Amino acid sequence: MATDYDAPRKQEEDSPADSLEALQASRSGNAQTAVIDVDENDTAEGIDLPGADLSNEELTVIVVPEQSDEFTCSSCFLVRHRSQVAKEKNGLKYCRDCEG
């Protein structure tokens, strides 16, 4: 079945507008309370807060040397592919972003 999304939407004027008191009364009869599942063993140790002291943390990063088809831009110092060379001046290479 095809739907015309450009057609104006029908407004439901047939449904009566309930008063605030009627809505509150209907909700209070079958009110449900939210239950939060909290594990007693959960702590805040797994959460990194901004400005937290991370001096005791050790990171392991593998550093890959610059490849033969890459260069380091002399302006932004990012390692780029050689297809990004925009200008070479005095042996220094500049990327398209810095020269663009």
PDB file of N, CA and C in Angstrom:
ATOM      1  N   MET A   1       0.843  -1.176   0.000  1.00  0.00           N
ATOM      2  CA  MET A   1       0.000   0.000   0.000  1.00  0.00           C
ATOM      3  C   MET A   1       0.890   1.241   0.000  1.00  0.00           C
ATOM      4  N   ALA A   2       0.647   2.148  -0.904  1.00  0.00           N
ATOM      5  CA  ALA A   2       1.445   3.362  -1.016  1.00  0.00           C
ATOM      6  C   ALA A   2       0.948   4.401  -0.018  1.00  0.00           C
ATOM      7  N   THR A   3       1.881   5.134   0.551  1.00  0.00           N
ATOM      8  CA  THR A   3       1.553   6.177   1.511  1.00  0.00           C
ATOM      9  C   THR A   3       2.012   7.515   0.957  1.00  0.00           C
ATOM     10  N   ASP A   4       1.138   8.485   0.952  1.00  0.00           N
ATOM     11  CA  ASP A   4       1.478   9.813   0.488  1.00  0.00           C
ATOM     12  C   ASP A   4       1.958  10.622   1.678  1.00  0.00           C
ATOM     13  N   TYR A   5       3.262  10.812   1.774  1.00  0.00           N
ATOM     14  CA  TYR A   5       3.826  11.529   2.910  1.00  0.00           C
ATOM     15  C   TYR A   5       3.699  13.031   2.774  1.00  0.00           C
ATOM     16  N   ASP A   6       3.346  13.507   1.599  1.00  0.00           N
ATOM     17  CA  ASP A   6       3.163  14.940   1.388  1.00  0.00           C
ATOM     18  C   ASP A   6       1.762  15.416   1.746  1.00  0.00           C
ATOM     19  N   ALA A   7       0.829  14.491   1.910  1.00  0.00           N
ATOM     20  CA  ALA A   7      -0.547  14.862   2.231  1.00  0.00           C
ATOM     21  C   ALA A   7      -0.612  15.396   3.666  1.00  0.00           C
ATOM     22  N   PRO A   8      -1.472  16.373   3.906  1.00  0.00           N
ATOM     23  CA  PRO A   8      -1.595  16.896   5.273  1.00  0.00           C
ATOM     24  C   PRO A   8      -2.107  15.811   6.216  1.00  0.00           C
ATOM     25  N   ARG A   9      -1.599  15.862   7.435  1.00  0.00           N
ATOM     26  CA  ARG A   9      -1.991  14.867   8.420  1.00  0.00           C
ATOM     27  C   ARG A   9      -3.359  15.190   8.986  1.00  0.00           C
ATOM     28  N   LYS A  10      -4.093  14.140   9.307  1.00  0.00           N
ATOM     29  CA  LYS A  10      -5.416  14.301   9.898  1.00  0.00           C
ATOM     30  C   LYS A  10      -5.254  14.552  11.384  1.00  0.00           C
ATOM     31  N   GLN A  11      -5.964  15.538  11.860  1.00  0.00           N
ATOM     32  CA  GLN A  11      -5.928  15.816  13.287  1.00  0.00           C
ATOM     33  C   GLN A  11      -7.045  15.054  13.960  1.00  0.00           C
ATOM     34  N   GLU A  12      -6.728  14.454  15.059  1.00  0.00           N
ATOM     35  CA  GLU A  12      -7.723  13.662  15.767  1.00  0.00           C
ATOM     36  C   GLU A  12      -8.540  14.571  16.689  1.00  0.00           C
ATOM     37  N   GLU A  13      -9.602  15.122  16.128  1.00  0.00           N
ATOM     38  CA  GLU A  13     -10.471  15.978  16.912  1.00  0.00           C
ATOM     39  C   GLU A  13     -11.531  15.164  17.634  1.00  0.00           C
ATOM     40  N   ASP A  14     -11.629  13.887  17.289  1.00  0.00           N
ATOM     41  CA  ASP A  14     -12.643  13.049  17.897  1.00  0.00           C
ATOM     42  C   ASP A  14     -12.303  12.673  19.343  1.00  0.00           C
ATOM     43  N   SER A  15     -11.012  12.619  19.678  1.00  0.00           N
ATOM     44  CA  SER A  15     -10.648  12.210  21.042  1.00  0.00           C
ATOM     45  C   SER A  15     -10.825  13.380  21.995  1.00  0.00           C
ATOM     46  N   PRO A  16     -11.553  13.161  23.086  1.00  0.00           N
ATOM     47  CA  PRO A  16     -11.780  14.247  24.037  1.00  0.00           C
ATOM     48  C   PRO A  16     -10.504  14.563  24.811  1.00  0.00           C
ATOM     49  N   ALA A  17     -10.312  15.820  25.092  1.00  0.00           N
ATOM     50  CA  ALA A  17      -9.147  16.239  25.865  1.00  0.00           C
ATOM     51  C   ALA A  17      -9.424  15.982  27.337  1.00  0.00           C
ATOM     52  N   ASP A  18      -8.592  15.158  27.956  1.00  0.00           N
ATOM     53  CA  ASP A  18      -8.754  14.854  29.374  1.00  0.00           C
ATOM     54  C   ASP A  18      -8.177  15.978  30.210  1.00  0.00           C
ATOM     55  N   SER A  19      -8.816  16.233  31.324  1.00  0.00           N
ATOM     56  CA  SER A  19      -8.315  17.255  32.222  1.00  0.00           C
ATOM     57  C   SER A  19      -7.106  16.715  32.980  1.00  0.00           C
ATOM     58  N   LEU A  20      -6.343  17.589  33.557  1.00  0.00           N
ATOM     59  CA  LEU A  20      -5.155  17.201  34.313  1.00  0.00           C
ATOM     60  C   LEU A  20      -5.532  16.342  35.505  1.00  0.00           C
ATOM     61  N   GLU A  21      -6.632  16.688  36.152  1.00  0.00           N
ATOM     62  CA  GLU A  21      -7.073  15.908  37.316  1.00  0.00           C
ATOM     63  C   GLU A  21      -7.466  14.491  36.912  1.00  0.00           C
ATOM     64  N   ALA A  22      -8.129  14.330  35.761  1.00  0.00           N
ATOM     65  CA  ALA A  22      -8.545  13.012  35.303  1.00  0.00           C
ATOM     66  C   ALA A  22      -7.334  12.157  34.944  1.00  0.00           C
ATOM     67  N   LEU A  23      -6.343  12.764  34.331  1.00  0.00           N
ATOM     68  CA  LEU A  23      -5.132  12.023  33.995  1.00  0.00           C
ATOM     69  C   LEU A  23      -4.381  11.589  35.245  1.00  0.00           C
ATOM     70  N   GLN A  24      -4.275  12.485  36.237  1.00  0.00           N
ATOM     71  CA  GLN A  24      -3.577  12.140  37.468  1.00  0.00           C
ATOM     72  C   GLN A  24      -4.315  11.052  38.237  1.00  0.00           C
ATOM     73  N   ALA A  25      -5.630  11.106  38.222  1.00  0.00           N
ATOM     74  CA  ALA A  25      -6.420  10.098  38.930  1.00  0.00           C
ATOM     75  C   ALA A  25      -6.270   8.733  38.272  1.00  0.00           C
ATOM     76  N   SER A  26      -6.242   8.700  36.941  1.00  0.00           N
ATOM     77  CA  SER A  26      -6.109   7.416  36.263  1.00  0.00           C
ATOM     78  C   SER A  26      -4.711   6.835  36.442  1.00  0.00           C
ATOM     79  N   ARG A  27      -3.737   7.667  36.559  1.00  0.00           N
ATOM     80  CA  ARG A  27      -2.371   7.184  36.743  1.00  0.00           C
ATOM     81  C   ARG A  27      -2.103   6.757  38.170  1.00  0.00           C
ATOM     82  N   SER A  28      -2.733   7.384  39.124  1.00  0.00           N
ATOM     83  CA  SER A  28      -2.461   7.047  40.527  1.00  0.00           C
ATOM     84  C   SER A  28      -3.039   5.685  40.894  1.00  0.00           C
ATOM     85  N   GLY A  29      -4.040   5.250  40.193  1.00  0.00           N
ATOM     86  CA  GLY A  29      -4.644   3.957  40.492  1.00  0.00           C
ATOM     87  C   GLY A  29      -3.749   2.791  40.120  1.00  0.00           C
ATOM     88  N   ASN A  30      -3.014   2.897  39.046  1.00  0.00           N
ATOM     89  CA  ASN A  30      -2.146   1.810  38.614  1.00  0.00           C
ATOM     90  C   ASN A  30      -0.708   2.291  38.483  1.00  0.00           C
ATOM     91  N   ALA A  31      -0.283   3.108  39.431  1.00  0.00           N
ATOM     92  CA  ALA A  31       1.063   3.666  39.380  1.00  0.00           C
ATOM     93  C   ALA A  31       2.103   2.583  39.598  1.00  0.00           C
ATOM     94  N   GLN A  32       3.154   2.678  38.840  1.00  0.00           N
ATOM     95  CA  GLN A  32       4.253   1.735  38.981  1.00  0.00           C
ATOM     96  C   GLN A  32       5.484   2.491  39.448  1.00  0.00           C
ATOM     97  N   THR A  33       6.229   1.868  40.327  1.00  0.00           N
ATOM     98  CA  THR A  33       7.450   2.496  40.799  1.00  0.00           C
ATOM     99  C   THR A  33       8.625   1.935  40.012  1.00  0.00           C
ATOM    100  N   ALA A  34       9.579   2.777  39.754  1.00  0.00           N
ATOM    101  CA  ALA A  34      10.769   2.353  39.025  1.00  0.00           C
ATOM    102  C   ALA A  34      11.681   1.586  39.965  1.00  0.00           C
ATOM    103  N   VAL A  35      12.208   0.479  39.470  1.00  0.00           N
ATOM    104  CA  VAL A  35      13.123  -0.336  40.255  1.00  0.00           C
ATOM    105  C   VAL A  35      14.488  -0.262  39.589  1.00  0.00           C
ATOM    106  N   ILE A  36      15.486   0.125  40.363  1.00  0.00           N
ATOM    107  CA  ILE A  36      16.835   0.231  39.848  1.00  0.00           C
ATOM    108  C   ILE A  36      17.610  -0.993  40.302  1.00  0.00           C
ATOM    109  N   ASP A  37      18.179  -1.686  39.346  1.00  0.00           N
ATOM    110  CA  ASP A  37      18.950  -2.882  39.640  1.00  0.00           C
ATOM    111  C   ASP A  37      20.380  -2.470  39.953  1.00  0.00           C
ATOM    112  N   VAL A  38      20.731  -2.448  41.226  1.00  0.00           N
ATOM    113  CA  VAL A  38      22.054  -2.038  41.656  1.00  0.00           C
ATOM    114  C   VAL A  38      22.766  -3.244  42.256  1.00  0.00           C
ATOM    115  N   ASP A  39      23.918  -3.528  41.722  1.00  0.00           N
ATOM    116  CA  ASP A  39      24.729  -4.609  42.255  1.00  0.00           C
ATOM    117  C   ASP A  39      25.547  -4.057  43.412  1.00  0.00           C
ATOM    118  N   GLU A  40      25.581  -4.770  44.519  1.00  0.00           N
ATOM    119  CA  GLU A  40      26.307  -4.294  45.695  1.00  0.00           C
ATOM    120  C   GLU A  40      27.802  -4.226  45.443  1.00  0.00           C
ATOM    121  N   ASN A  41      28.284  -4.996  44.471  1.00  0.00           N
ATOM    122  CA  ASN A  41      29.711  -5.009  44.187  1.00  0.00           C
ATOM    123  C   ASN A  41      30.131  -3.910  43.217  1.00  0.00           C
ATOM    124  N   ASP A  42      29.164  -3.168  42.669  1.00  0.00           N
ATOM    125  CA  ASP A  42      29.492  -2.076  41.759  1.00  0.00           C
ATOM    126  C   ASP A  42      30.147  -0.946  42.535  1.00  0.00           C
ATOM    127  N   THR A  43      31.228  -0.435  41.971  1.00  0.00           N
ATOM    128  CA  THR A  43      31.894   0.715  42.566  1.00  0.00           C
ATOM    129  C   THR A  43      32.161   1.729  41.466  1.00  0.00           C
ATOM    130  N   ALA A  44      32.642   2.857  41.841  1.00  0.00           N
ATOM    131  CA  ALA A  44      32.948   3.908  40.871  1.00  0.00           C
ATOM    132  C   ALA A  44      34.358   3.762  40.320  1.00  0.00           C
ATOM    133  N   GLU A  45      35.044   2.665  40.604  1.00  0.00           N
ATOM    134  CA  GLU A  45      36.410   2.516  40.131  1.00  0.00           C
ATOM    135  C   GLU A  45      36.481   2.367  38.614  1.00  0.00           C
ATOM    136  N   GLY A  46      35.434   1.893  37.987  1.00  0.00           N
ATOM    137  CA  GLY A  46      35.433   1.710  36.546  1.00  0.00           C
ATOM    138  C   GLY A  46      35.096   2.965  35.780  1.00  0.00           C
ATOM    139  N   ILE A  47      34.831   4.065  36.470  1.00  0.00           N
ATOM    140  CA  ILE A  47      34.422   5.307  35.830  1.00  0.00           C
ATOM    141  C   ILE A  47      35.577   6.300  35.898  1.00  0.00           C
ATOM    142  N   ASP A  48      35.976   6.832  34.738  1.00  0.00           N
ATOM    143  CA  ASP A  48      37.020   7.848  34.694  1.00  0.00           C
ATOM    144  C   ASP A  48      36.363   9.213  34.715  1.00  0.00           C
ATOM    145  N   LEU A  49      36.674   9.988  35.708  1.00  0.00           N
ATOM    146  CA  LEU A  49      36.123  11.329  35.831  1.00  0.00           C
ATOM    147  C   LEU A  49      37.092  12.341  35.257  1.00  0.00           C
ATOM    148  N   PRO A  50      36.580  13.446  34.709  1.00  0.00           N
ATOM    149  CA  PRO A  50      37.472  14.489  34.208  1.00  0.00           C
ATOM    150  C   PRO A  50      38.349  15.024  35.335  1.00  0.00           C
ATOM    151  N   GLY A  51      39.621  15.157  35.060  1.00  0.00           N
ATOM    152  CA  GLY A  51      40.542  15.669  36.057  1.00  0.00           C
ATOM    153  C   GLY A  51      41.005  14.610  37.034  1.00  0.00           C
ATOM    154  N   ALA A  52      40.690  13.344  36.777  1.00  0.00           N
ATOM    155  CA  ALA A  52      41.094  12.278  37.683  1.00  0.00           C
ATOM    156  C   ALA A  52      42.603  12.065  37.588  1.00  0.00           C
ATOM    157  N   ASP A  53      43.200  11.631  38.674  1.00  0.00           N
ATOM    158  CA  ASP A  53      44.635  11.368  38.724  1.00  0.00           C
ATOM    159  C   ASP A  53      44.905  10.018  38.082  1.00  0.00           C
ATOM    160  N   LEU A  54      45.523  10.032  36.915  1.00  0.00           N
ATOM    161  CA  LEU A  54      45.834   8.805  36.188  1.00  0.00           C
ATOM    162  C   LEU A  54      47.331   8.542  36.175  1.00  0.00           C
ATOM    163  N   SER A  55      48.061   9.108  37.151  1.00  0.00           N
ATOM    164  CA  SER A  55      49.514   8.973  37.161  1.00  0.00           C
ATOM    165  C   SER A  55      49.964   7.540  37.417  1.00  0.00           C
ATOM    166  N   ASN A  56      49.155   6.718  38.051  1.00  0.00           N
ATOM    167  CA  ASN A  56      49.535   5.341  38.326  1.00  0.00           C
ATOM    168  C   ASN A  56      49.122   4.384  37.220  1.00  0.00           C
ATOM    169  N   GLU A  57      48.451   4.881  36.197  1.00  0.00           N
ATOM    170  CA  GLU A  57      47.997   4.038  35.099  1.00  0.00           C
ATOM    171  C   GLU A  57      49.116   3.862  34.084  1.00  0.00           C
ATOM    172  N   GLU A  58      49.187   2.678  33.495  1.00  0.00           N
ATOM    173  CA  GLU A  58      50.187   2.400  32.471  1.00  0.00           C
ATOM    174  C   GLU A  58      49.481   2.049  31.172  1.00  0.00           C
ATOM    175  N   LEU A  59      49.843   2.739  30.106  1.00  0.00           N
ATOM    176  CA  LEU A  59      49.248   2.501  28.804  1.00  0.00           C
ATOM    177  C   LEU A  59      50.247   1.762  27.923  1.00  0.00           C
ATOM    178  N   THR A  60      49.743   0.845  27.146  1.00  0.00           N
ATOM    179  CA  THR A  60      50.587   0.114  26.214  1.00  0.00           C
ATOM    180  C   THR A  60      50.191   0.505  24.800  1.00  0.00           C
ATOM    181  N   VAL A  61      51.121   1.128  24.081  1.00  0.00           N
ATOM    182  CA  VAL A  61      50.867   1.594  22.732  1.00  0.00           C
ATOM    183  C   VAL A  61      51.994   1.101  21.830  1.00  0.00           C
ATOM    184  N   ILE A  62      51.634   0.545  20.707  1.00  0.00           N
ATOM    185  CA  ILE A  62      52.629   0.110  19.737  1.00  0.00           C
ATOM    186  C   ILE A  62      52.851   1.255  18.755  1.00  0.00           C
ATOM    187  N   VAL A  63      54.081   1.741  18.679  1.00  0.00           N
ATOM    188  CA  VAL A  63      54.416   2.840  17.791  1.00  0.00           C
ATOM    189  C   VAL A  63      54.965   2.265  16.505  1.00  0.00           C
ATOM    190  N   VAL A  64      54.314   2.610  15.402  1.00  0.00           N
ATOM    191  CA  VAL A  64      54.730   2.134  14.083  1.00  0.00           C
ATOM    192  C   VAL A  64      55.538   3.254  13.440  1.00  0.00           C
ATOM    193  N   PRO A  65      56.746   2.970  12.972  1.00  0.00           N
ATOM    194  CA  PRO A  65      57.546   4.027  12.338  1.00  0.00           C
ATOM    195  C   PRO A  65      56.915   4.494  11.029  1.00  0.00           C
ATOM    196  N   GLU A  66      57.326   5.677  10.607  1.00  0.00           N
ATOM    197  CA  GLU A  66      56.808   6.245   9.364  1.00  0.00           C
ATOM    198  C   GLU A  66      57.143   5.323   8.195  1.00  0.00           C
ATOM    199  N   GLN A  67      56.137   5.034   7.380  1.00  0.00           N
ATOM    200  CA  GLN A  67      56.307   4.123   6.250  1.00  0.00           C
ATOM    201  C   GLN A  67      56.902   4.868   5.059  1.00  0.00           C
ATOM    202  N   SER A  68      57.310   4.122   4.053  1.00  0.00           N
ATOM    203  CA  SER A  68      57.953   4.727   2.886  1.00  0.00           C
ATOM    204  C   SER A  68      56.988   5.582   2.067  1.00  0.00           C
ATOM    205  N   ASP A  69      55.688   5.319   2.170  1.00  0.00           N
ATOM    206  CA  ASP A  69      54.700   6.098   1.422  1.00  0.00           C
ATOM    207  C   ASP A  69      54.053   7.178   2.284  1.00  0.00           C
ATOM    208  N   GLU A  70      54.682   7.561   3.377  1.00  0.00           N
ATOM    209  CA  GLU A  70      54.153   8.574   4.282  1.00  0.00           C
ATOM    210  C   GLU A  70      55.177   9.682   4.486  1.00  0.00           C
ATOM    211  N   PHE A  71      54.672  10.814   4.955  1.00  0.00           N
ATOM    212  CA  PHE A  71      55.549  11.931   5.297  1.00  0.00           C
ATOM    213  C   PHE A  71      54.962  12.641   6.507  1.00  0.00           C
ATOM    214  N   THR A  72      55.788  13.415   7.179  1.00  0.00           N
ATOM    215  CA  THR A  72      55.327  14.213   8.314  1.00  0.00           C
ATOM    216  C   THR A  72      55.247  15.659   7.867  1.00  0.00           C
ATOM    217  N   CYS A  73      54.055  16.236   8.019  1.00  0.00           N
ATOM    218  CA  CYS A  73      53.848  17.625   7.623  1.00  0.00           C
ATOM    219  C   CYS A  73      54.690  18.530   8.529  1.00  0.00           C
ATOM    220  N   SER A  74      55.370  19.492   7.930  1.00  0.00           N
ATOM    221  CA  SER A  74      56.224  20.396   8.697  1.00  0.00           C
ATOM    222  C   SER A  74      55.439  21.489   9.400  1.00  0.00           C
ATOM    223  N   SER A  75      54.151  21.596   9.136  1.00  0.00           N
ATOM    224  CA  SER A  75      53.335  22.608   9.781  1.00  0.00           C
ATOM    225  C   SER A  75      52.513  22.025  10.930  1.00  0.00           C
ATOM    226  N   CYS A  76      51.754  20.955  10.661  1.00  0.00           N
ATOM    227  CA  CYS A  76      50.885  20.374  11.699  1.00  0.00           C
ATOM    228  C   CYS A  76      51.498  19.143  12.351  1.00  0.00           C
ATOM    229  N   PHE A  77      52.609  18.629  11.789  1.00  0.00           N
ATOM    230  CA  PHE A  77      53.350  17.493  12.324  1.00  0.00           C
ATOM    231  C   PHE A  77      52.543  16.195  12.351  1.00  0.00           C
ATOM    232  N   LEU A  78      51.533  16.095  11.498  1.00  0.00           N
ATOM    233  CA  LEU A  78      50.788  14.853  11.364  1.00  0.00           C
ATOM    234  C   LEU A  78      51.428  14.001  10.286  1.00  0.00           C
ATOM    235  N   VAL A  79      51.379  12.698  10.477  1.00  0.00           N
ATOM    236  CA  VAL A  79      51.886  11.779   9.473  1.00  0.00           C
ATOM    237  C   VAL A  79      50.787  11.572   8.440  1.00  0.00           C
ATOM    238  N   ARG A  80      51.114  11.883   7.181  1.00  0.00           N
ATOM    239  CA  ARG A  80      50.140  11.819   6.096  1.00  0.00           C
ATOM    240  C   ARG A  80      50.648  10.890   5.005  1.00  0.00           C
ATOM    241  N   HIS A  81      49.728  10.436   4.142  1.00  0.00           N
ATOM    242  CA  HIS A  81      50.096   9.662   2.962  1.00  0.00           C
ATOM    243  C   HIS A  81      50.733  10.610   1.951  1.00  0.00           C
ATOM    244  N   ARG A  82      51.636  10.097   1.151  1.00  0.00           N
ATOM    245  CA  ARG A  82      52.364  10.961   0.213  1.00  0.00           C
ATOM    246  C   ARG A  82      51.439  11.626  -0.803  1.00  0.00           C
ATOM    247  N   SER A  83      50.236  11.105  -0.997  1.00  0.00           N
ATOM    248  CA  SER A  83      49.287  11.752  -1.910  1.00  0.00           C
ATOM    249  C   SER A  83      48.758  13.064  -1.341  1.00  0.00           C
ATOM    250  N   GLN A  84      49.008  13.336  -0.062  1.00  0.00           N
ATOM    251  CA  GLN A  84      48.542  14.558   0.583  1.00  0.00           C
ATOM    252  C   GLN A  84      49.568  15.690   0.533  1.00  0.00           C
ATOM    253  N   VAL A  85      50.713  15.460  -0.117  1.00  0.00           N
ATOM    254  CA  VAL A  85      51.739  16.501  -0.213  1.00  0.00           C
ATOM    255  C   VAL A  85      51.233  17.619  -1.105  1.00  0.00           C
ATOM    256  N   ALA A  86      51.188  18.840  -0.571  1.00  0.00           N
ATOM    257  CA  ALA A  86      50.743  19.993  -1.347  1.00  0.00           C
ATOM    258  C   ALA A  86      51.932  20.822  -1.815  1.00  0.00           C
ATOM    259  N   LYS A  87      52.968  20.910  -0.968  1.00  0.00           N
ATOM    260  CA  LYS A  87      54.118  21.759  -1.305  1.00  0.00           C
ATOM    261  C   LYS A  87      55.346  21.191  -0.621  1.00  0.00           C
ATOM    262  N   GLU A  88      56.461  21.292  -1.294  1.00  0.00           N
ATOM    263  CA  GLU A  88      57.741  20.908  -0.705  1.00  0.00           C
ATOM    264  C   GLU A  88      58.684  22.092  -0.875  1.00  0.00           C
ATOM    265  N   LYS A  89      59.194  22.584   0.253  1.00  0.00           N
ATOM    266  CA  LYS A  89      60.038  23.778   0.221  1.00  0.00           C
ATOM    267  C   LYS A  89      61.231  23.541   1.141  1.00  0.00           C
ATOM    268  N   ASN A  90      62.416  23.663   0.607  1.00  0.00           N
ATOM    269  CA  ASN A  90      63.664  23.463   1.352  1.00  0.00           C
ATOM    270  C   ASN A  90      63.712  22.099   2.025  1.00  0.00           C
ATOM    271  N   GLY A  91      63.195  21.086   1.370  1.00  0.00           N
ATOM    272  CA  GLY A  91      63.219  19.733   1.913  1.00  0.00           C
ATOM    273  C   GLY A  91      62.111  19.463   2.925  1.00  0.00           C
ATOM    274  N   LEU A  92      61.295  20.452   3.197  1.00  0.00           N
ATOM    275  CA  LEU A  92      60.179  20.297   4.136  1.00  0.00           C
ATOM    276  C   LEU A  92      58.897  20.104   3.342  1.00  0.00           C
ATOM    277  N   LYS A  93      58.091  19.161   3.768  1.00  0.00           N
ATOM    278  CA  LYS A  93      56.843  18.866   3.066  1.00  0.00           C
ATOM    279  C   LYS A  93      55.663  19.390   3.880  1.00  0.00           C
ATOM    280  N   TYR A  94      54.652  19.891   3.162  1.00  0.00           N
ATOM    281  CA  TYR A  94      53.452  20.444   3.783  1.00  0.00           C
ATOM    282  C   TYR A  94      52.241  19.745   3.190  1.00  0.00           C
ATOM    283  N   CYS A  95      51.248  19.447   4.048  1.00  0.00           N
ATOM    284  CA  CYS A  95      50.060  18.730   3.591  1.00  0.00           C
ATOM    285  C   CYS A  95      49.058  19.689   2.969  1.00  0.00           C
ATOM    286  N   ARG A  96      48.053  19.117   2.328  1.00  0.00           N
ATOM    287  CA  ARG A  96      47.012  19.909   1.658  1.00  0.00           C
ATOM    288  C   ARG A  96      46.190  20.713   2.647  1.00  0.00           C
ATOM    289  N   ASP A  97      45.952  20.171   3.844  1.00  0.00           N
ATOM    290  CA  ASP A  97      45.158  20.898   4.825  1.00  0.00           C
ATOM    291  C   ASP A  97      45.845  22.167   5.281  1.00  0.00           C
ATOM    292  N   CYS A  98      47.170  22.129   5.459  1.00  0.00           N
ATOM    293  CA  CYS A  98      47.891  23.301   5.928  1.00  0.00           C
ATOM    294  C   CYS A  98      48.111  24.327   4.817  1.00  0.00           C
ATOM    295  N   GLU A  99      48.216  23.871   3.603  1.00  0.00           N
ATOM    296  CA  GLU A  99      48.464  24.768   2.480  1.00  0.00           C
ATOM    297  C   GLU A  99      47.189  25.175   1.752  1.00  0.00           C
ATOM    298  N   GLY A 100      46.038  24.561   2.128  1.00  0.00           N
ATOM    299  CA  GLY A 100      44.781  24.806   1.431  1.00  0.00           C
ATOM    300  C   GLY A 100      44.099  25.978   1.895  1.00  0.00           C
TER     301      GLY A 100
END
